[in-house]
Amino acid sequence: MGCCSGRCTLIVLCTVQLVTALERQVFDFLGYQWAPILATFIHIVMVILGLFGTIQYRPRYIVVYAVWAAIWVTWNVFITCFYLEVGGLSKDSELLTFNLSKHRSWWREHGPGCQREEPAAGWRPPDGQALVPGVGCTLEHGYVEALHSTLQILLVGFVYACYVVSVFTEEEDSFDFIGGFDPFPLYHVTEKPSSLLFKQVYLPA
């Protein structure tokens, strides 16, 4: 397959997915978002698996990646709805932190254009966590998180993964592991007719 094939496109998509997932993982760690941290970690492992399968022509690994890609899309749709408060969801709930942190998102305090306000004197947040939201943010943290999830949905290579698996499967079915694609393999030896052998043996002196 050439450089413009589905295989090369899937490799590029997986690479970009890996970079954006690592970036997202960093900000989830900074915001103590434990559910997204767990989901993103699994996603990174699956993307690496899909990338390895694509490079090494392993369709089974790509199938695993394709199944996870469908799950990953569903998860990011949920995250988008969560931060946009669709369907009765509230971005102020502690669902994504497993009730282990008062944080909602790192972008809540450090979003684009946000200005930090110092807490009142004598008040200290637990565990040194900053709980005071930023003021005057250009973009609210809910929209930043929703944009992150939308980007992940757009980068999912589910269609390309299915295409590459089908191509690899067709190549395996059409390939003869003994003789390759050659209908006359190398080990084929043309035998001489027995009559010619007898003539050579019994030639008159």
N, C-alpha and C. Protein backbone atom coordinates (compact mmCIF):
# COMPACT_ATOMS: atom_id res chain seq x y z
N MET A 1 0.84 -1.20 0.00
CA MET A 1 0.00 0.00 0.00
C MET A 1 0.87 1.24 0.00
N GLY A 2 0.44 2.26 -0.72
CA GLY A 2 1.23 3.46 -0.85
C GLY A 2 1.12 4.36 0.35
N CYS A 3 1.83 5.49 0.29
CA CYS A 3 1.88 6.42 1.41
C CYS A 3 0.55 7.12 1.62
N CYS A 4 -0.29 7.18 0.60
CA CYS A 4 -1.58 7.84 0.73
C CYS A 4 -2.69 6.85 1.06
N SER A 5 -2.33 5.67 1.45
CA SER A 5 -3.31 4.63 1.71
C SER A 5 -3.97 4.84 3.07
N GLY A 6 -5.00 4.01 3.32
CA GLY A 6 -5.67 4.05 4.62
C GLY A 6 -4.74 3.69 5.75
N ARG A 7 -3.77 2.83 5.50
CA ARG A 7 -2.83 2.42 6.55
C ARG A 7 -2.01 3.62 7.02
N CYS A 8 -1.46 4.39 6.07
CA CYS A 8 -0.67 5.55 6.45
C CYS A 8 -1.53 6.61 7.13
N THR A 9 -2.77 6.76 6.67
CA THR A 9 -3.68 7.71 7.31
C THR A 9 -3.97 7.31 8.74
N LEU A 10 -4.17 6.01 8.96
CA LEU A 10 -4.43 5.52 10.32
C LEU A 10 -3.22 5.73 11.22
N ILE A 11 -2.02 5.55 10.68
CA ILE A 11 -0.81 5.78 11.47
C ILE A 11 -0.73 7.25 11.90
N VAL A 12 -1.04 8.16 10.98
CA VAL A 12 -1.01 9.59 11.30
C VAL A 12 -2.06 9.92 12.36
N LEU A 13 -3.28 9.37 12.18
CA LEU A 13 -4.35 9.63 13.14
C LEU A 13 -4.00 9.11 14.53
N CYS A 14 -3.44 7.92 14.60
CA CYS A 14 -3.06 7.35 15.89
C CYS A 14 -1.97 8.17 16.56
N THR A 15 -1.03 8.67 15.76
CA THR A 15 0.05 9.49 16.31
C THR A 15 -0.50 10.79 16.88
N VAL A 16 -1.38 11.46 16.13
CA VAL A 16 -1.97 12.71 16.61
C VAL A 16 -2.84 12.44 17.84
N GLN A 17 -3.59 11.33 17.81
CA GLN A 17 -4.40 10.95 18.96
C GLN A 17 -3.55 10.76 20.21
N LEU A 18 -2.41 10.13 20.02
CA LEU A 18 -1.52 9.87 21.15
C LEU A 18 -1.01 11.17 21.76
N VAL A 19 -0.64 12.12 20.91
CA VAL A 19 -0.13 13.40 21.40
C VAL A 19 -1.23 14.17 22.14
N THR A 20 -2.42 14.24 21.55
CA THR A 20 -3.51 14.99 22.19
C THR A 20 -3.99 14.31 23.46
N ALA A 21 -3.94 12.98 23.49
CA ALA A 21 -4.35 12.26 24.71
C ALA A 21 -3.37 12.51 25.84
N LEU A 22 -2.08 12.56 25.53
CA LEU A 22 -1.08 12.87 26.56
C LEU A 22 -1.27 14.29 27.09
N GLU A 23 -1.56 15.22 26.18
CA GLU A 23 -1.82 16.60 26.60
C GLU A 23 -3.04 16.67 27.52
N ARG A 24 -4.08 15.95 27.15
CA ARG A 24 -5.29 15.95 27.97
C ARG A 24 -5.05 15.29 29.32
N GLN A 25 -4.24 14.24 29.33
CA GLN A 25 -3.94 13.53 30.57
C GLN A 25 -3.24 14.45 31.57
N VAL A 26 -2.34 15.30 31.07
CA VAL A 26 -1.62 16.23 31.94
C VAL A 26 -2.60 17.17 32.63
N PHE A 27 -3.53 17.76 31.88
CA PHE A 27 -4.47 18.71 32.47
C PHE A 27 -5.49 18.02 33.37
N ASP A 28 -5.83 16.77 33.06
CA ASP A 28 -6.72 16.02 33.96
C ASP A 28 -6.03 15.74 35.29
N PHE A 29 -4.74 15.44 35.25
CA PHE A 29 -3.99 15.24 36.48
C PHE A 29 -3.94 16.54 37.29
N LEU A 30 -3.71 17.65 36.62
CA LEU A 30 -3.65 18.93 37.31
C LEU A 30 -4.99 19.30 37.93
N GLY A 31 -6.07 18.83 37.33
CA GLY A 31 -7.41 19.13 37.84
C GLY A 31 -8.02 18.05 38.70
N TYR A 32 -7.23 17.00 38.99
CA TYR A 32 -7.69 15.90 39.86
C TYR A 32 -8.97 15.25 39.32
N GLN A 33 -9.05 15.10 38.01
CA GLN A 33 -10.22 14.48 37.38
C GLN A 33 -9.93 12.98 37.22
N TRP A 34 -10.27 12.19 38.23
CA TRP A 34 -9.82 10.80 38.28
C TRP A 34 -10.49 9.92 37.25
N ALA A 35 -11.76 10.12 36.98
CA ALA A 35 -12.44 9.31 35.96
C ALA A 35 -11.85 9.55 34.56
N PRO A 36 -11.68 10.81 34.14
CA PRO A 36 -11.02 11.04 32.85
C PRO A 36 -9.58 10.55 32.82
N ILE A 37 -8.88 10.61 33.95
CA ILE A 37 -7.50 10.12 33.99
C ILE A 37 -7.47 8.63 33.68
N LEU A 38 -8.38 7.87 34.29
CA LEU A 38 -8.44 6.43 34.06
C LEU A 38 -8.81 6.12 32.61
N ALA A 39 -9.83 6.82 32.10
CA ALA A 39 -10.28 6.59 30.72
C ALA A 39 -9.19 6.95 29.71
N THR A 40 -8.51 8.06 29.94
CA THR A 40 -7.47 8.49 29.01
C THR A 40 -6.28 7.55 29.04
N PHE A 41 -5.96 7.01 30.22
CA PHE A 41 -4.86 6.05 30.31
C PHE A 41 -5.15 4.81 29.47
N ILE A 42 -6.37 4.28 29.59
CA ILE A 42 -6.76 3.12 28.78
C ILE A 42 -6.71 3.49 27.30
N HIS A 43 -7.13 4.71 26.97
CA HIS A 43 -7.12 5.15 25.58
C HIS A 43 -5.70 5.20 25.03
N ILE A 44 -4.77 5.69 25.82
CA ILE A 44 -3.37 5.75 25.37
C ILE A 44 -2.84 4.36 25.08
N VAL A 45 -3.16 3.40 25.95
CA VAL A 45 -2.71 2.02 25.74
C VAL A 45 -3.32 1.46 24.45
N MET A 46 -4.60 1.72 24.22
CA MET A 46 -5.27 1.19 23.04
C MET A 46 -4.75 1.83 21.75
N VAL A 47 -4.44 3.12 21.81
CA VAL A 47 -3.89 3.79 20.63
C VAL A 47 -2.52 3.23 20.28
N ILE A 48 -1.70 3.00 21.31
CA ILE A 48 -0.39 2.38 21.07
C ILE A 48 -0.56 1.00 20.46
N LEU A 49 -1.54 0.25 20.96
CA LEU A 49 -1.81 -1.08 20.41
C LEU A 49 -2.24 -0.99 18.94
N GLY A 50 -3.13 -0.05 18.64
CA GLY A 50 -3.56 0.13 17.26
C GLY A 50 -2.44 0.60 16.35
N LEU A 51 -1.59 1.48 16.87
CA LEU A 51 -0.45 1.95 16.08
C LEU A 51 0.52 0.82 15.79
N PHE A 52 0.78 -0.01 16.80
CA PHE A 52 1.67 -1.17 16.61
C PHE A 52 1.07 -2.15 15.60
N GLY A 53 -0.23 -2.41 15.72
CA GLY A 53 -0.88 -3.33 14.79
C GLY A 53 -0.87 -2.83 13.36
N THR A 54 -1.01 -1.51 13.19
CA THR A 54 -0.99 -0.94 11.84
C THR A 54 0.39 -1.02 11.22
N ILE A 55 1.41 -0.72 12.02
CA ILE A 55 2.77 -0.74 11.49
C ILE A 55 3.23 -2.17 11.21
N GLN A 56 2.87 -3.10 12.10
CA GLN A 56 3.34 -4.48 11.98
C GLN A 56 2.36 -5.40 11.25
N TYR A 57 1.32 -4.84 10.65
CA TYR A 57 0.33 -5.63 9.89
C TYR A 57 -0.31 -6.70 10.78
N ARG A 58 -0.81 -6.28 11.94
CA ARG A 58 -1.50 -7.18 12.86
C ARG A 58 -2.97 -6.77 12.93
N PRO A 59 -3.84 -7.37 12.12
CA PRO A 59 -5.25 -6.95 12.09
C PRO A 59 -5.98 -7.16 13.41
N ARG A 60 -5.59 -8.15 14.21
CA ARG A 60 -6.29 -8.38 15.47
C ARG A 60 -6.11 -7.20 16.42
N TYR A 61 -4.92 -6.64 16.44
CA TYR A 61 -4.69 -5.47 17.29
C TYR A 61 -5.52 -4.28 16.82
N ILE A 62 -5.65 -4.16 15.51
CA ILE A 62 -6.44 -3.04 14.98
C ILE A 62 -7.92 -3.22 15.29
N VAL A 63 -8.38 -4.46 15.31
CA VAL A 63 -9.78 -4.73 15.68
C VAL A 63 -10.04 -4.29 17.12
N VAL A 64 -9.09 -4.61 18.02
CA VAL A 64 -9.23 -4.18 19.42
C VAL A 64 -9.27 -2.66 19.50
N TYR A 65 -8.42 -2.00 18.72
CA TYR A 65 -8.42 -0.54 18.70
C TYR A 65 -9.75 0.00 18.17
N ALA A 66 -10.29 -0.64 17.14
CA ALA A 66 -11.56 -0.17 16.55
C ALA A 66 -12.71 -0.30 17.55
N VAL A 67 -12.73 -1.40 18.30
CA VAL A 67 -13.78 -1.58 19.32
C VAL A 67 -13.65 -0.51 20.40
N TRP A 68 -12.41 -0.27 20.84
CA TRP A 68 -12.20 0.77 21.84
C TRP A 68 -12.55 2.15 21.29
N ALA A 69 -12.30 2.39 20.01
CA ALA A 69 -12.61 3.69 19.41
C ALA A 69 -14.09 4.01 19.54
N ALA A 70 -14.95 2.99 19.36
CA ALA A 70 -16.38 3.21 19.51
C ALA A 70 -16.72 3.57 20.96
N ILE A 71 -16.06 2.88 21.91
CA ILE A 71 -16.28 3.19 23.33
C ILE A 71 -15.77 4.59 23.66
N TRP A 72 -14.63 4.95 23.08
CA TRP A 72 -14.02 6.26 23.33
C TRP A 72 -14.91 7.39 22.82
N VAL A 73 -15.53 7.19 21.67
CA VAL A 73 -16.46 8.20 21.14
C VAL A 73 -17.63 8.38 22.11
N THR A 74 -18.18 7.26 22.60
CA THR A 74 -19.30 7.33 23.54
C THR A 74 -18.90 8.08 24.81
N TRP A 75 -17.70 7.80 25.31
CA TRP A 75 -17.22 8.48 26.52
C TRP A 75 -17.08 9.98 26.30
N ASN A 76 -16.54 10.38 25.16
CA ASN A 76 -16.35 11.80 24.91
C ASN A 76 -17.67 12.52 24.64
N VAL A 77 -18.63 11.82 24.08
CA VAL A 77 -19.96 12.41 23.95
C VAL A 77 -20.55 12.69 25.33
N PHE A 78 -20.35 11.73 26.25
CA PHE A 78 -20.82 11.92 27.63
C PHE A 78 -20.12 13.10 28.29
N ILE A 79 -18.79 13.20 28.12
CA ILE A 79 -18.05 14.32 28.72
C ILE A 79 -18.53 15.66 28.16
N THR A 80 -18.79 15.69 26.86
CA THR A 80 -19.30 16.92 26.25
C THR A 80 -20.65 17.31 26.83
N CYS A 81 -21.54 16.32 26.95
CA CYS A 81 -22.86 16.59 27.54
C CYS A 81 -22.74 16.99 29.01
N PHE A 82 -21.77 16.39 29.71
CA PHE A 82 -21.58 16.69 31.13
C PHE A 82 -21.20 18.15 31.34
N TYR A 83 -20.22 18.63 30.57
CA TYR A 83 -19.76 20.00 30.77
C TYR A 83 -20.70 21.04 30.16
N LEU A 84 -21.50 20.63 29.19
CA LEU A 84 -22.49 21.54 28.63
C LEU A 84 -23.83 21.43 29.34
N GLU A 85 -23.86 20.53 30.35
CA GLU A 85 -25.05 20.33 31.19
C GLU A 85 -26.27 19.97 30.36
N VAL A 86 -26.08 18.98 29.52
CA VAL A 86 -27.17 18.48 28.67
C VAL A 86 -27.81 17.28 29.37
N GLY A 87 -29.13 17.19 29.27
CA GLY A 87 -29.83 16.03 29.82
C GLY A 87 -29.82 15.95 31.33
N GLY A 88 -29.84 17.08 31.99
CA GLY A 88 -29.88 17.08 33.45
C GLY A 88 -28.54 16.89 34.12
N LEU A 89 -27.47 16.78 33.36
CA LEU A 89 -26.13 16.66 33.95
C LEU A 89 -25.65 18.02 34.46
N SER A 90 -24.81 17.98 35.49
CA SER A 90 -24.29 19.21 36.07
C SER A 90 -22.77 19.14 36.13
N LYS A 91 -22.12 20.15 35.59
CA LYS A 91 -20.66 20.17 35.61
C LYS A 91 -20.10 20.45 36.99
N ASP A 92 -20.98 20.85 37.94
CA ASP A 92 -20.54 21.11 39.31
C ASP A 92 -20.63 19.87 40.20
N SER A 93 -21.07 18.75 39.65
CA SER A 93 -21.13 17.52 40.44
C SER A 93 -19.73 16.93 40.57
N GLU A 94 -19.59 15.99 41.51
CA GLU A 94 -18.30 15.36 41.77
C GLU A 94 -18.20 14.00 41.10
N LEU A 95 -18.93 13.82 40.02
CA LEU A 95 -18.97 12.53 39.33
C LEU A 95 -17.61 12.14 38.76
N LEU A 96 -16.91 13.10 38.18
CA LEU A 96 -15.64 12.79 37.52
C LEU A 96 -14.46 12.71 38.49
N THR A 97 -14.66 13.15 39.72
CA THR A 97 -13.57 13.11 40.70
C THR A 97 -13.74 11.98 41.71
N PHE A 98 -14.82 11.19 41.56
CA PHE A 98 -15.11 10.10 42.50
C PHE A 98 -15.24 10.61 43.94
N ASN A 99 -15.67 11.87 44.08
CA ASN A 99 -15.84 12.49 45.40
C ASN A 99 -14.53 12.55 46.20
N LEU A 100 -13.41 12.53 45.50
CA LEU A 100 -12.11 12.58 46.16
C LEU A 100 -11.48 13.96 46.10
N SER A 101 -12.10 14.86 45.37
CA SER A 101 -11.52 16.19 45.19
C SER A 101 -12.64 17.20 45.00
N LYS A 102 -12.38 18.43 45.44
CA LYS A 102 -13.33 19.52 45.25
C LYS A 102 -13.12 20.23 43.91
N HIS A 103 -12.12 19.80 43.18
CA HIS A 103 -11.85 20.40 41.87
C HIS A 103 -12.93 20.03 40.87
N ARG A 104 -13.15 20.87 39.90
CA ARG A 104 -14.07 20.59 38.79
C ARG A 104 -13.30 20.47 37.47
N SER A 105 -12.29 21.30 37.32
CA SER A 105 -11.46 21.27 36.13
C SER A 105 -10.29 22.22 36.34
N TRP A 106 -9.12 21.86 35.80
CA TRP A 106 -7.98 22.76 35.90
C TRP A 106 -8.27 24.06 35.17
N TRP A 107 -9.06 23.99 34.10
CA TRP A 107 -9.39 25.17 33.32
C TRP A 107 -10.32 26.11 34.06
N ARG A 108 -10.94 25.65 35.13
CA ARG A 108 -11.85 26.50 35.90
C ARG A 108 -11.08 27.63 36.58
N GLU A 109 -9.85 27.34 37.00
CA GLU A 109 -9.03 28.37 37.64
C GLU A 109 -7.97 28.96 36.71
N HIS A 110 -7.65 28.23 35.63
CA HIS A 110 -6.54 28.66 34.77
C HIS A 110 -6.95 28.75 33.30
N GLY A 111 -8.20 29.01 33.04
CA GLY A 111 -8.67 29.09 31.66
C GLY A 111 -8.11 30.29 30.92
N PRO A 112 -8.37 30.37 29.61
CA PRO A 112 -7.87 31.50 28.81
C PRO A 112 -8.42 32.84 29.32
N GLY A 113 -7.52 33.74 29.66
CA GLY A 113 -7.91 35.07 30.12
C GLY A 113 -8.37 35.14 31.55
N CYS A 114 -8.32 34.03 32.29
CA CYS A 114 -8.80 34.02 33.67
C CYS A 114 -7.84 34.76 34.59
N GLN A 115 -8.38 35.48 35.54
CA GLN A 115 -7.60 36.17 36.55
C GLN A 115 -7.92 35.55 37.91
N ARG A 116 -6.87 35.16 38.62
CA ARG A 116 -7.05 34.51 39.91
C ARG A 116 -7.35 35.51 41.00
N GLU A 117 -8.30 35.17 41.86
CA GLU A 117 -8.59 35.96 43.04
C GLU A 117 -8.09 35.20 44.26
N GLU A 118 -7.33 35.89 45.10
CA GLU A 118 -6.80 35.25 46.29
C GLU A 118 -7.93 34.98 47.27
N PRO A 119 -7.91 33.80 47.94
CA PRO A 119 -8.95 33.50 48.93
C PRO A 119 -8.86 34.44 50.13
N ALA A 120 -9.95 34.50 50.88
CA ALA A 120 -10.00 35.37 52.05
C ALA A 120 -8.93 34.98 53.06
N ALA A 121 -8.48 35.95 53.82
CA ALA A 121 -7.42 35.71 54.80
C ALA A 121 -7.87 34.68 55.83
N GLY A 122 -6.98 33.77 56.14
CA GLY A 122 -7.28 32.74 57.13
C GLY A 122 -7.98 31.53 56.54
N TRP A 123 -8.36 31.57 55.26
CA TRP A 123 -9.05 30.42 54.64
C TRP A 123 -8.07 29.66 53.78
N ARG A 124 -7.95 28.38 54.01
CA ARG A 124 -7.05 27.53 53.26
C ARG A 124 -7.83 26.37 52.67
N PRO A 125 -7.72 26.15 51.36
CA PRO A 125 -8.38 25.00 50.76
C PRO A 125 -7.75 23.71 51.23
N PRO A 126 -8.51 22.62 51.32
CA PRO A 126 -7.95 21.34 51.77
C PRO A 126 -6.91 20.81 50.81
N ASP A 127 -5.86 20.23 51.40
CA ASP A 127 -4.79 19.60 50.62
C ASP A 127 -4.10 20.56 49.67
N GLY A 128 -4.22 21.85 49.92
CA GLY A 128 -3.53 22.84 49.08
C GLY A 128 -4.14 22.99 47.70
N GLN A 129 -5.36 22.49 47.51
CA GLN A 129 -5.99 22.58 46.19
C GLN A 129 -6.61 23.96 46.01
N ALA A 130 -6.40 24.53 44.83
CA ALA A 130 -6.99 25.84 44.53
C ALA A 130 -8.44 25.65 44.13
N LEU A 131 -9.37 26.23 44.91
CA LEU A 131 -10.78 26.05 44.64
C LEU A 131 -11.46 27.33 44.18
N VAL A 132 -10.73 28.43 44.13
CA VAL A 132 -11.29 29.71 43.74
C VAL A 132 -11.29 29.80 42.22
N PRO A 133 -12.47 29.89 41.58
CA PRO A 133 -12.50 29.94 40.12
C PRO A 133 -11.93 31.25 39.59
N GLY A 134 -11.43 31.19 38.36
CA GLY A 134 -10.90 32.38 37.74
C GLY A 134 -12.00 33.36 37.37
N VAL A 135 -11.64 34.62 37.26
CA VAL A 135 -12.60 35.67 36.95
C VAL A 135 -12.26 36.28 35.60
N GLY A 136 -13.28 36.61 34.83
CA GLY A 136 -13.08 37.26 33.54
C GLY A 136 -12.50 36.37 32.48
N CYS A 137 -12.83 35.06 32.53
CA CYS A 137 -12.28 34.10 31.57
C CYS A 137 -12.84 34.37 30.17
N THR A 138 -11.97 34.29 29.20
CA THR A 138 -12.41 34.46 27.81
C THR A 138 -13.32 33.31 27.39
N LEU A 139 -12.99 32.11 27.85
CA LEU A 139 -13.77 30.93 27.52
C LEU A 139 -13.98 30.13 28.79
N GLU A 140 -15.23 29.86 29.10
CA GLU A 140 -15.56 29.12 30.32
C GLU A 140 -14.99 27.71 30.27
N HIS A 141 -14.64 27.19 31.44
CA HIS A 141 -13.96 25.89 31.49
C HIS A 141 -14.81 24.77 30.90
N GLY A 142 -16.12 24.89 31.00
CA GLY A 142 -16.99 23.85 30.42
C GLY A 142 -16.85 23.75 28.92
N TYR A 143 -16.71 24.90 28.26
CA TYR A 143 -16.52 24.91 26.81
C TYR A 143 -15.14 24.40 26.42
N VAL A 144 -14.12 24.70 27.24
CA VAL A 144 -12.78 24.19 26.95
C VAL A 144 -12.75 22.67 27.02
N GLU A 145 -13.37 22.11 28.05
CA GLU A 145 -13.42 20.66 28.18
C GLU A 145 -14.25 20.02 27.05
N ALA A 146 -15.33 20.69 26.68
CA ALA A 146 -16.16 20.17 25.58
C ALA A 146 -15.40 20.19 24.26
N LEU A 147 -14.60 21.23 24.04
CA LEU A 147 -13.79 21.29 22.83
C LEU A 147 -12.74 20.19 22.81
N HIS A 148 -12.14 19.90 23.97
CA HIS A 148 -11.19 18.79 24.05
C HIS A 148 -11.85 17.47 23.66
N SER A 149 -13.04 17.24 24.17
CA SER A 149 -13.75 15.99 23.86
C SER A 149 -14.15 15.93 22.39
N THR A 150 -14.59 17.06 21.85
CA THR A 150 -14.96 17.09 20.43
C THR A 150 -13.76 16.79 19.54
N LEU A 151 -12.60 17.32 19.91
CA LEU A 151 -11.38 17.04 19.15
C LEU A 151 -11.06 15.55 19.17
N GLN A 152 -11.22 14.91 20.32
CA GLN A 152 -10.95 13.48 20.42
C GLN A 152 -11.91 12.68 19.54
N ILE A 153 -13.16 13.11 19.46
CA ILE A 153 -14.14 12.42 18.61
C ILE A 153 -13.74 12.54 17.13
N LEU A 154 -13.31 13.74 16.73
CA LEU A 154 -12.95 13.97 15.34
C LEU A 154 -11.70 13.20 14.93
N LEU A 155 -10.81 12.92 15.89
CA LEU A 155 -9.55 12.25 15.57
C LEU A 155 -9.66 10.73 15.59
N VAL A 156 -10.79 10.20 16.03
CA VAL A 156 -10.93 8.74 16.12
C VAL A 156 -10.87 8.13 14.72
N GLY A 157 -10.03 7.12 14.56
CA GLY A 157 -9.83 6.48 13.26
C GLY A 157 -10.62 5.20 13.10
N PHE A 158 -11.87 5.18 13.56
CA PHE A 158 -12.67 3.96 13.51
C PHE A 158 -12.87 3.49 12.08
N VAL A 159 -13.26 4.41 11.19
CA VAL A 159 -13.52 4.03 9.80
C VAL A 159 -12.25 3.53 9.13
N TYR A 160 -11.15 4.24 9.33
CA TYR A 160 -9.88 3.82 8.73
C TYR A 160 -9.40 2.50 9.31
N ALA A 161 -9.67 2.28 10.61
CA ALA A 161 -9.27 1.01 11.22
C ALA A 161 -10.03 -0.15 10.58
N CYS A 162 -11.33 0.02 10.35
CA CYS A 162 -12.12 -1.04 9.70
C CYS A 162 -11.62 -1.28 8.28
N TYR A 163 -11.29 -0.19 7.58
CA TYR A 163 -10.79 -0.33 6.21
C TYR A 163 -9.46 -1.07 6.17
N VAL A 164 -8.55 -0.71 7.07
CA VAL A 164 -7.23 -1.34 7.10
C VAL A 164 -7.37 -2.82 7.46
N VAL A 165 -8.24 -3.16 8.39
CA VAL A 165 -8.46 -4.57 8.75
C VAL A 165 -8.96 -5.35 7.55
N SER A 166 -9.89 -4.77 6.80
CA SER A 166 -10.42 -5.47 5.62
C SER A 166 -9.34 -5.67 4.56
N VAL A 167 -8.48 -4.67 4.39
CA VAL A 167 -7.39 -4.79 3.41
C VAL A 167 -6.41 -5.87 3.84
N PHE A 168 -6.01 -5.85 5.11
CA PHE A 168 -5.07 -6.86 5.62
C PHE A 168 -5.65 -8.26 5.49
N THR A 169 -6.95 -8.39 5.77
CA THR A 169 -7.60 -9.71 5.70
C THR A 169 -7.63 -10.21 4.27
N GLU A 170 -7.94 -9.33 3.32
CA GLU A 170 -7.94 -9.73 1.91
C GLU A 170 -6.55 -10.16 1.46
N GLU A 171 -5.53 -9.44 1.89
CA GLU A 171 -4.16 -9.81 1.50
C GLU A 171 -3.76 -11.16 2.09
N GLU A 172 -4.18 -11.43 3.32
CA GLU A 172 -3.86 -12.71 3.92
C GLU A 172 -4.56 -13.86 3.21
N ASP A 173 -5.82 -13.61 2.79
CA ASP A 173 -6.58 -14.66 2.10
C ASP A 173 -6.01 -14.96 0.72
N SER A 174 -5.46 -13.95 0.06
CA SER A 174 -4.96 -14.14 -1.30
C SER A 174 -3.50 -14.56 -1.35
N PHE A 175 -2.85 -14.60 -0.21
CA PHE A 175 -1.42 -14.90 -0.18
C PHE A 175 -1.19 -16.36 0.14
N ASP A 176 -0.39 -17.01 -0.65
CA ASP A 176 -0.01 -18.40 -0.40
C ASP A 176 1.29 -18.38 0.41
N PHE A 177 1.22 -18.86 1.65
CA PHE A 177 2.36 -18.75 2.55
C PHE A 177 3.52 -19.65 2.14
N ILE A 178 3.30 -20.55 1.17
CA ILE A 178 4.40 -21.40 0.69
C ILE A 178 4.99 -20.82 -0.58
N GLY A 179 4.10 -20.50 -1.49
CA GLY A 179 4.59 -20.04 -2.78
C GLY A 179 4.40 -18.58 -3.04
N GLY A 180 3.79 -17.83 -2.05
CA GLY A 180 3.57 -16.41 -2.27
C GLY A 180 2.47 -16.20 -3.29
N PHE A 181 2.57 -15.10 -4.02
CA PHE A 181 1.59 -14.79 -5.04
C PHE A 181 1.90 -15.48 -6.37
N ASP A 182 3.05 -16.14 -6.47
CA ASP A 182 3.47 -16.77 -7.71
C ASP A 182 2.72 -18.08 -7.90
N PRO A 183 1.94 -18.21 -8.98
CA PRO A 183 1.22 -19.47 -9.20
C PRO A 183 2.16 -20.63 -9.47
N PHE A 184 3.43 -20.35 -9.82
CA PHE A 184 4.43 -21.41 -10.04
C PHE A 184 5.56 -21.19 -9.05
N PRO A 185 5.43 -21.72 -7.83
CA PRO A 185 6.42 -21.46 -6.78
C PRO A 185 7.79 -21.98 -7.13
N LEU A 186 8.77 -21.53 -6.32
CA LEU A 186 10.16 -21.85 -6.61
C LEU A 186 10.46 -23.32 -6.44
N TYR A 187 9.72 -23.96 -5.51
CA TYR A 187 10.03 -25.35 -5.26
C TYR A 187 9.51 -26.29 -6.34
N HIS A 188 8.75 -25.72 -7.30
CA HIS A 188 8.18 -26.55 -8.36
C HIS A 188 9.29 -26.97 -9.33
N VAL A 189 9.43 -28.26 -9.55
CA VAL A 189 10.45 -28.80 -10.45
C VAL A 189 9.77 -29.51 -11.60
N THR A 190 10.16 -29.13 -12.79
CA THR A 190 9.59 -29.78 -13.97
C THR A 190 10.27 -31.13 -14.17
N GLU A 191 9.46 -32.16 -14.11
CA GLU A 191 9.99 -33.51 -14.26
C GLU A 191 10.04 -33.90 -15.73
N LYS A 192 11.10 -34.60 -16.09
CA LYS A 192 11.21 -35.06 -17.47
C LYS A 192 10.37 -36.32 -17.66
N PRO A 193 9.80 -36.48 -18.82
CA PRO A 193 9.05 -37.71 -19.08
C PRO A 193 9.95 -38.93 -18.97
N SER A 194 9.40 -40.00 -18.44
CA SER A 194 10.19 -41.23 -18.23
C SER A 194 10.70 -41.79 -19.55
N SER A 195 9.97 -41.55 -20.63
CA SER A 195 10.41 -42.09 -21.92
C SER A 195 11.71 -41.46 -22.36
N LEU A 196 11.88 -40.13 -22.07
CA LEU A 196 13.11 -39.47 -22.44
C LEU A 196 14.28 -39.99 -21.60
N LEU A 197 14.01 -40.29 -20.35
CA LEU A 197 15.07 -40.83 -19.50
C LEU A 197 15.54 -42.19 -20.01
N PHE A 198 14.58 -43.05 -20.41
CA PHE A 198 14.95 -44.36 -20.92
C PHE A 198 15.75 -44.25 -22.20
N LYS A 199 15.40 -43.25 -23.05
CA LYS A 199 16.13 -43.09 -24.31
C LYS A 199 17.56 -42.69 -24.03
N GLN A 200 17.77 -41.84 -23.03
CA GLN A 200 19.13 -41.42 -22.71
C GLN A 200 19.96 -42.58 -22.16
N VAL A 201 19.32 -43.47 -21.42
CA VAL A 201 20.03 -44.59 -20.80
C VAL A 201 20.41 -45.65 -21.84
N TYR A 202 19.48 -45.93 -22.73
CA TYR A 202 19.70 -47.02 -23.71
C TYR A 202 20.15 -46.53 -25.07
N LEU A 203 20.88 -45.45 -25.13
CA LEU A 203 21.41 -45.00 -26.43
C LEU A 203 22.46 -46.00 -26.92
N PRO A 204 22.45 -46.30 -28.22
CA PRO A 204 23.44 -47.23 -28.76
C PRO A 204 24.85 -46.64 -28.65
N ALA A 205 25.81 -47.50 -28.44
CA ALA A 205 27.21 -47.06 -28.27
C ALA A 205 27.77 -46.60 -29.61
